[in-house]
Structures are given as C-alpha cells and as structure tokens.
Amino acid sequence: MDVKPMKILIIEDDVNACNDFINCINSRNDIELIGMTDSDIEALKYVQLRHPEGIVLDIELNNSTSGSTDSLEFLSNLKKLKLNYSPIIIVTTHINSSRTYEILHRNGVDMILYKDHPNYSCENVLNKFMALRNTVSTSPVISLQEDLLETENKISNLIYHELDLIGITSNLKGRNYVHDAILYLIQNNESNINVIQYLTKIYKKSGNTITNGIQNAIIHAWRVSSIEDLSTHYTAKVNYETGLPTPMEFIYYYVDKIKKLI
C-alpha cells in the first residue's frame, strides 16, 4: 500500500530558510508542503483548513508581517482549536536554553532543533518528521543533548557561586531573575529579544517587577557584604552618586566574568 506524502506547514520568517525548505521538499516525494507563512494568525487558519500532519515552527518570528512574534502564543492558540488529532511540531531556533526548551515541550512541541548546530539543515528537519511519523511511541521526543545540559549546569553553578560571594542569597526573589538573565545572555549572544522581555515571558511578571527584583537584590548585596568582599568580587566601576550598579550594568558585568571562567 502506498503511503501518502506527509503534509507539512512551515511557519518561518527568514526568506532564505523558506527557500531552502521549498527546494528540499521539491526534491523528495514523501513530503507535501500545504502552506508557508510568517504569521501565527495565518498559520492557525492553515491548520483549520488544511490539517497539516507536521508543523515547522520558528520560535522567533521577528520579521513577521502580521500577528505575534511570540511562538508560544501560537502554541497556546493551537490548543484552543481542540483538533481531533495532534500534529507533530518541530521547533527550529537560535535560542540555546534548556529552560526555554522545557517550556516548549510542556506546550506540546515534539522536537527542538538548534539552528546553529553544525548538523542542522532543512533536509534534517524533514527527515526528523518522517522518523517521528513512523514512531509508535507517543512519549515526547527530548532533543536536548547531554553536552548542552552539562555546559548549562556548569554555567549555572558558576553564576550562583558568584552571587553567593557578594551576598545575593537564595531567599531573594531577584536572585533567580539575575541568574536567568546572565545565563540567557551567555547562551544567546545574537538574540533580538531584550533580556527583560525574556524574563517577563518566563516568569509571567511585568518588566517593572523583574527590574525591581533585580535592583532589590543588588541593594541587599551592597548592604550586607563587606567593602572588601565587594571590591574583590565585583571589580567594575560603580556610579559614585548612587554607590550601586544598575541592574543591566550588574548583569552584563557577570556575563563577561562568567564567560572568562567557562
């Protein structure tokens, strides 16, 4: 019995990536492209009308001509359609963060492919769809590599150690904001997302709440730590009028410091 080609919808705003997918699909007979768009709104219409078996989802639609630039919103709205089937979803991204990957998996993503990986290609993405299509198991496919997790754990431990040295302890709300901001900026040098915007998405809190939490953690450190400890472990210049670094000065100091320690 002949197997019908797998119907794929591609949600991508990079023109070169779109052309690569078109060329790859045209060269094979097991994939059928039923739609390509840079808009999450238009993508939902494709899903309702064409019922794709697989969806390629770019996590950051920064150049979208319409709709949201946040792919998490697409995943949330996809659930609201209450489809009688579950399309296979593969996210492609330049973001290299296990926290972000965990959130995507919780929102129904089957696989995440890191665009900057040396083995990444459109052909590889399509092959993953065919492999998932033929997989009997319904358990989520976890794509995080062991080396990524090991590296992230190392960076995370270094960040927490540095914060401990100046008195930003685990009981402070701003500690996790600072940690995640530093980790995100180290892992995503070329991201177009502002780090405070990233934290608001992760924690579902306002930018002011995030910024105030970080500032309060800094104030606490400068109150409880000795001048000797601060001058030893935080060597950047501090505004002589306030006597404190700003949240972004503080974060970027540790981004540079941790990079040298990795």
Protein backbone atom coordinates (compact mmCIF):
# COMPACT_ATOMS: atom_id res chain seq x y z
CA MET A 1 0.00 0.00 0.00
CA ASP A 2 1.36 3.42 -0.99
CA VAL A 3 1.91 5.81 1.89
CA LYS A 4 0.64 9.32 1.25
CA PRO A 5 3.14 12.18 1.50
CA MET A 6 3.27 13.86 4.89
CA LYS A 7 1.53 17.26 4.83
CA ILE A 8 3.76 19.94 6.33
CA LEU A 9 3.05 23.55 7.34
CA ILE A 10 6.06 25.85 7.72
CA ILE A 11 5.94 28.92 9.98
CA GLU A 12 9.14 30.83 9.26
CA ASP A 13 10.05 34.50 8.64
CA ASP A 14 13.53 34.06 7.21
CA VAL A 15 13.34 34.17 3.40
CA ASN A 16 16.47 32.09 2.88
CA ALA A 17 15.22 29.40 5.26
CA CYS A 18 11.88 29.33 3.43
CA ASN A 19 13.60 28.89 0.07
CA ASP A 20 15.76 26.11 1.49
CA PHE A 21 12.67 24.25 2.69
CA ILE A 22 10.96 24.65 -0.68
CA ASN A 23 13.99 23.29 -2.53
CA CYS A 24 14.31 20.34 -0.14
CA ILE A 25 10.62 19.45 -0.38
CA ASN A 26 10.65 19.71 -4.19
CA SER A 27 13.49 17.18 -4.30
CA ARG A 28 11.59 14.45 -2.44
CA ASN A 29 8.22 12.71 -2.76
CA ASP A 30 7.43 11.89 0.88
CA ILE A 31 6.65 15.48 1.96
CA GLU A 32 3.87 17.77 0.72
CA LEU A 33 4.03 21.49 1.56
CA ILE A 34 0.49 22.67 2.30
CA GLY A 35 1.40 26.16 3.47
CA MET A 36 4.18 28.57 4.36
CA THR A 37 3.73 31.75 6.37
CA ASP A 38 5.49 34.15 8.72
CA SER A 39 2.26 34.87 10.63
CA ASP A 40 0.95 32.85 13.56
CA ILE A 41 -2.57 34.08 12.75
CA GLU A 42 -2.40 32.84 9.17
CA ALA A 43 -0.80 29.60 10.38
CA LEU A 44 -3.83 28.84 12.56
CA LYS A 45 -6.06 29.27 9.50
CA TYR A 46 -3.90 26.80 7.58
CA VAL A 47 -4.25 24.30 10.42
CA GLN A 48 -8.04 24.62 10.43
CA LEU A 49 -8.39 24.35 6.65
CA ARG A 50 -5.58 22.03 5.56
CA HIS A 51 -4.96 19.86 8.67
CA PRO A 52 -1.17 19.53 8.43
CA GLU A 53 0.35 16.38 9.89
CA GLY A 54 3.53 18.25 10.77
CA ILE A 55 4.37 21.86 11.62
CA VAL A 56 7.77 23.57 11.43
CA LEU A 57 7.71 26.45 13.92
CA ASP A 58 10.36 29.16 14.10
CA ILE A 59 10.34 30.25 17.75
CA GLU A 60 11.12 33.91 16.96
CA LEU A 61 9.07 35.49 14.17
CA ASN A 62 10.85 38.83 14.43
CA ASN A 63 10.14 39.76 10.81
CA SER A 64 6.52 38.66 10.79
CA THR A 65 4.36 40.81 8.53
CA SER A 66 1.36 40.24 10.80
CA GLY A 67 0.48 38.54 14.04
CA SER A 68 2.58 37.88 17.13
CA THR A 69 6.37 37.45 17.20
CA ASP A 70 5.99 35.04 20.13
CA SER A 71 5.59 31.43 19.01
CA LEU A 72 4.34 30.41 22.45
CA GLU A 73 1.18 32.32 21.63
CA PHE A 74 0.72 30.18 18.52
CA LEU A 75 1.07 27.00 20.58
CA SER A 76 -1.47 28.29 23.10
CA ASN A 77 -3.97 29.20 20.38
CA LEU A 78 -3.38 25.86 18.64
CA LYS A 79 -4.59 24.07 21.78
CA LYS A 80 -7.74 26.22 21.77
CA LEU A 81 -8.68 24.84 18.33
CA LYS A 82 -9.35 21.46 20.03
CA LEU A 83 -8.31 19.46 16.98
CA ASN A 84 -9.26 15.80 16.77
CA TYR A 85 -5.61 14.95 16.08
CA SER A 86 -2.19 16.14 17.29
CA PRO A 87 0.13 17.49 14.60
CA ILE A 88 3.83 16.77 15.04
CA ILE A 89 5.54 20.05 15.94
CA ILE A 90 9.23 20.68 15.41
CA VAL A 91 10.60 23.99 16.64
CA THR A 92 13.66 25.48 14.94
CA THR A 93 15.54 28.15 16.89
CA HIS A 94 18.76 30.04 17.50
CA ILE A 95 17.95 30.05 21.23
CA ASN A 96 20.09 27.67 23.24
CA SER A 97 18.35 27.37 26.62
CA SER A 98 17.07 24.27 28.38
CA ARG A 99 14.57 26.38 30.36
CA THR A 100 13.05 27.65 27.11
CA TYR A 101 13.10 24.12 25.66
CA GLU A 102 11.31 22.78 28.74
CA ILE A 103 8.55 25.37 28.34
CA LEU A 104 8.16 24.49 24.66
CA HIS A 105 7.88 20.77 25.41
CA ARG A 106 5.22 21.50 28.06
CA ASN A 107 3.30 23.39 25.37
CA GLY A 108 3.16 20.40 23.03
CA VAL A 109 6.37 20.63 20.99
CA ASP A 110 7.70 17.22 19.96
CA MET A 111 11.23 18.18 19.00
CA ILE A 112 13.52 21.21 19.10
CA LEU A 113 16.32 21.65 16.58
CA TYR A 114 19.04 24.20 17.25
CA LYS A 115 19.71 26.16 14.04
CA ASP A 116 23.35 26.85 14.90
CA HIS A 117 24.17 23.16 15.37
CA PRO A 118 26.68 22.03 12.70
CA ASN A 119 24.35 19.21 11.59
CA TYR A 120 21.29 21.43 11.20
CA SER A 121 19.71 21.57 7.75
CA CYS A 122 16.24 21.72 6.21
CA GLU A 123 16.78 18.18 4.95
CA ASN A 124 17.49 17.04 8.50
CA VAL A 125 14.31 18.73 9.77
CA LEU A 126 12.21 16.91 7.18
CA ASN A 127 13.90 13.61 8.00
CA LYS A 128 13.00 14.12 11.66
CA PHE A 129 9.35 14.48 10.67
CA MET A 130 9.41 11.19 8.82
CA ALA A 131 11.12 9.47 11.75
CA LEU A 132 8.53 10.81 14.19
CA ARG A 133 5.72 9.83 11.84
CA ASN A 134 6.95 6.25 11.89
CA THR A 135 7.46 6.15 15.65
CA VAL A 136 4.83 4.17 17.51
CA SER A 137 5.63 5.69 20.90
CA THR A 138 3.61 8.75 21.88
CA SER A 139 6.05 9.93 24.51
CA PRO A 140 7.63 13.36 23.92
CA VAL A 141 10.88 13.37 21.99
CA ILE A 142 13.53 15.16 24.01
CA SER A 143 16.16 16.72 21.76
CA LEU A 144 18.41 18.26 24.41
CA GLN A 145 21.94 16.99 24.06
CA GLU A 146 23.88 15.81 27.12
CA ASP A 147 26.70 18.23 26.39
CA LEU A 148 24.25 21.16 26.33
CA LEU A 149 22.88 20.20 29.74
CA GLU A 150 26.34 19.65 31.16
CA THR A 151 27.53 23.04 29.93
CA GLU A 152 24.42 24.78 31.18
CA ASN A 153 24.76 23.22 34.62
CA LYS A 154 28.36 24.36 34.78
CA ILE A 155 27.42 27.93 33.84
CA SER A 156 24.51 27.91 36.27
CA ASN A 157 26.70 26.76 39.17
CA LEU A 158 29.28 29.45 38.37
CA ILE A 159 26.59 32.14 38.40
CA TYR A 160 25.13 31.02 41.72
CA HIS A 161 28.63 30.82 43.25
CA GLU A 162 29.42 34.38 42.18
CA LEU A 163 26.12 35.65 43.60
CA ASP A 164 26.78 33.85 46.89
CA LEU A 165 30.15 35.58 47.17
CA ILE A 166 28.51 39.02 47.36
CA GLY A 167 25.52 38.05 49.50
CA ILE A 168 22.77 37.57 46.93
CA THR A 169 21.34 34.50 48.63
CA SER A 170 18.59 32.04 47.67
CA ASN A 171 15.95 33.79 49.79
CA LEU A 172 15.98 36.84 47.49
CA LYS A 173 13.41 36.88 44.67
CA GLY A 174 15.75 38.80 42.41
CA ARG A 175 18.42 36.08 42.60
CA ASN A 176 16.66 33.84 40.04
CA TYR A 177 15.98 36.82 37.77
CA VAL A 178 19.67 37.72 37.81
CA HIS A 179 20.73 34.11 37.28
CA ASP A 180 18.39 33.54 34.34
CA ALA A 181 19.31 36.87 32.73
CA ILE A 182 23.03 36.09 32.87
CA LEU A 183 22.51 32.53 31.62
CA TYR A 184 20.28 33.69 28.75
CA LEU A 185 22.73 36.36 27.56
CA ILE A 186 25.66 33.94 27.68
CA GLN A 187 23.77 31.33 25.64
CA ASN A 188 22.12 33.70 23.19
CA ASN A 189 24.57 36.38 22.09
CA GLU A 190 22.68 37.16 18.89
CA SER A 191 19.11 37.08 20.19
CA ASN A 192 16.91 40.04 19.26
CA ILE A 193 14.83 39.64 22.41
CA ASN A 194 15.59 42.11 25.23
CA VAL A 195 16.61 40.16 28.34
CA ILE A 196 13.92 41.79 30.49
CA GLN A 197 11.32 40.84 27.86
CA TYR A 198 12.64 37.28 28.01
CA LEU A 199 12.25 37.20 31.81
CA THR A 200 8.71 38.59 31.64
CA LYS A 201 7.74 35.69 29.35
CA ILE A 202 9.36 33.10 31.61
CA TYR A 203 8.01 34.41 34.92
CA LYS A 204 4.76 35.96 33.67
CA LYS A 205 5.52 39.17 35.56
CA SER A 206 5.82 42.79 34.44
CA GLY A 207 9.11 44.32 33.38
CA ASN A 208 8.96 46.67 36.39
CA THR A 209 8.53 43.75 38.78
CA ILE A 210 11.51 41.94 37.25
CA THR A 211 13.71 45.06 37.26
CA ASN A 212 12.75 45.97 40.84
CA GLY A 213 13.50 42.42 41.97
CA ILE A 214 16.99 42.61 40.47
CA GLN A 215 17.59 46.08 41.91
CA ASN A 216 16.50 44.96 45.38
CA ALA A 217 18.91 42.02 45.22
CA ILE A 218 21.74 44.44 44.35
CA ILE A 219 20.78 46.80 47.18
CA HIS A 220 20.75 43.85 49.60
CA ALA A 221 24.23 42.77 48.48
CA TRP A 222 25.69 46.24 48.95
CA ARG A 223 24.11 46.47 52.42
CA VAL A 224 25.16 43.10 53.85
CA SER A 225 28.52 42.48 52.16
CA SER A 226 31.76 43.99 53.37
CA ILE A 227 33.56 46.55 51.26
CA GLU A 228 36.46 44.10 50.97
CA ASP A 229 34.23 41.34 49.54
CA LEU A 230 32.54 43.69 47.09
CA SER A 231 35.81 45.21 45.86
CA THR A 232 37.27 41.71 45.46
CA HIS A 233 34.39 40.04 43.66
CA TYR A 234 32.77 42.99 41.85
CA THR A 235 35.53 44.98 40.19
CA ALA A 236 33.51 47.16 37.82
CA LYS A 237 33.21 50.88 38.46
CA VAL A 238 30.11 51.96 40.36
CA ASN A 239 28.29 55.28 39.97
CA TYR A 240 29.70 57.49 42.73
CA GLU A 241 26.35 59.24 43.25
CA THR A 242 24.27 56.11 43.89
CA GLY A 243 27.04 53.83 45.07
CA LEU A 244 25.31 50.96 43.22
CA PRO A 245 25.41 49.41 39.75
CA THR A 246 22.22 49.49 37.68
CA PRO A 247 20.52 46.12 37.03
CA MET A 248 21.87 45.95 33.46
CA GLU A 249 25.39 47.04 34.48
CA PHE A 250 25.35 44.33 37.13
CA ILE A 251 24.06 41.63 34.77
CA TYR A 252 26.49 42.43 31.95
CA TYR A 253 29.44 42.54 34.35
CA TYR A 254 28.70 38.95 35.32
CA VAL A 255 28.02 37.89 31.74
CA ASP A 256 31.57 38.94 30.86
CA LYS A 257 33.03 37.50 34.07
CA ILE A 258 31.35 34.08 33.70
CA LYS A 259 32.36 33.84 30.03
CA LYS A 260 36.00 34.12 31.10
CA LEU A 261 35.50 31.40 33.73
CA ILE A 262 33.85 28.86 31.43
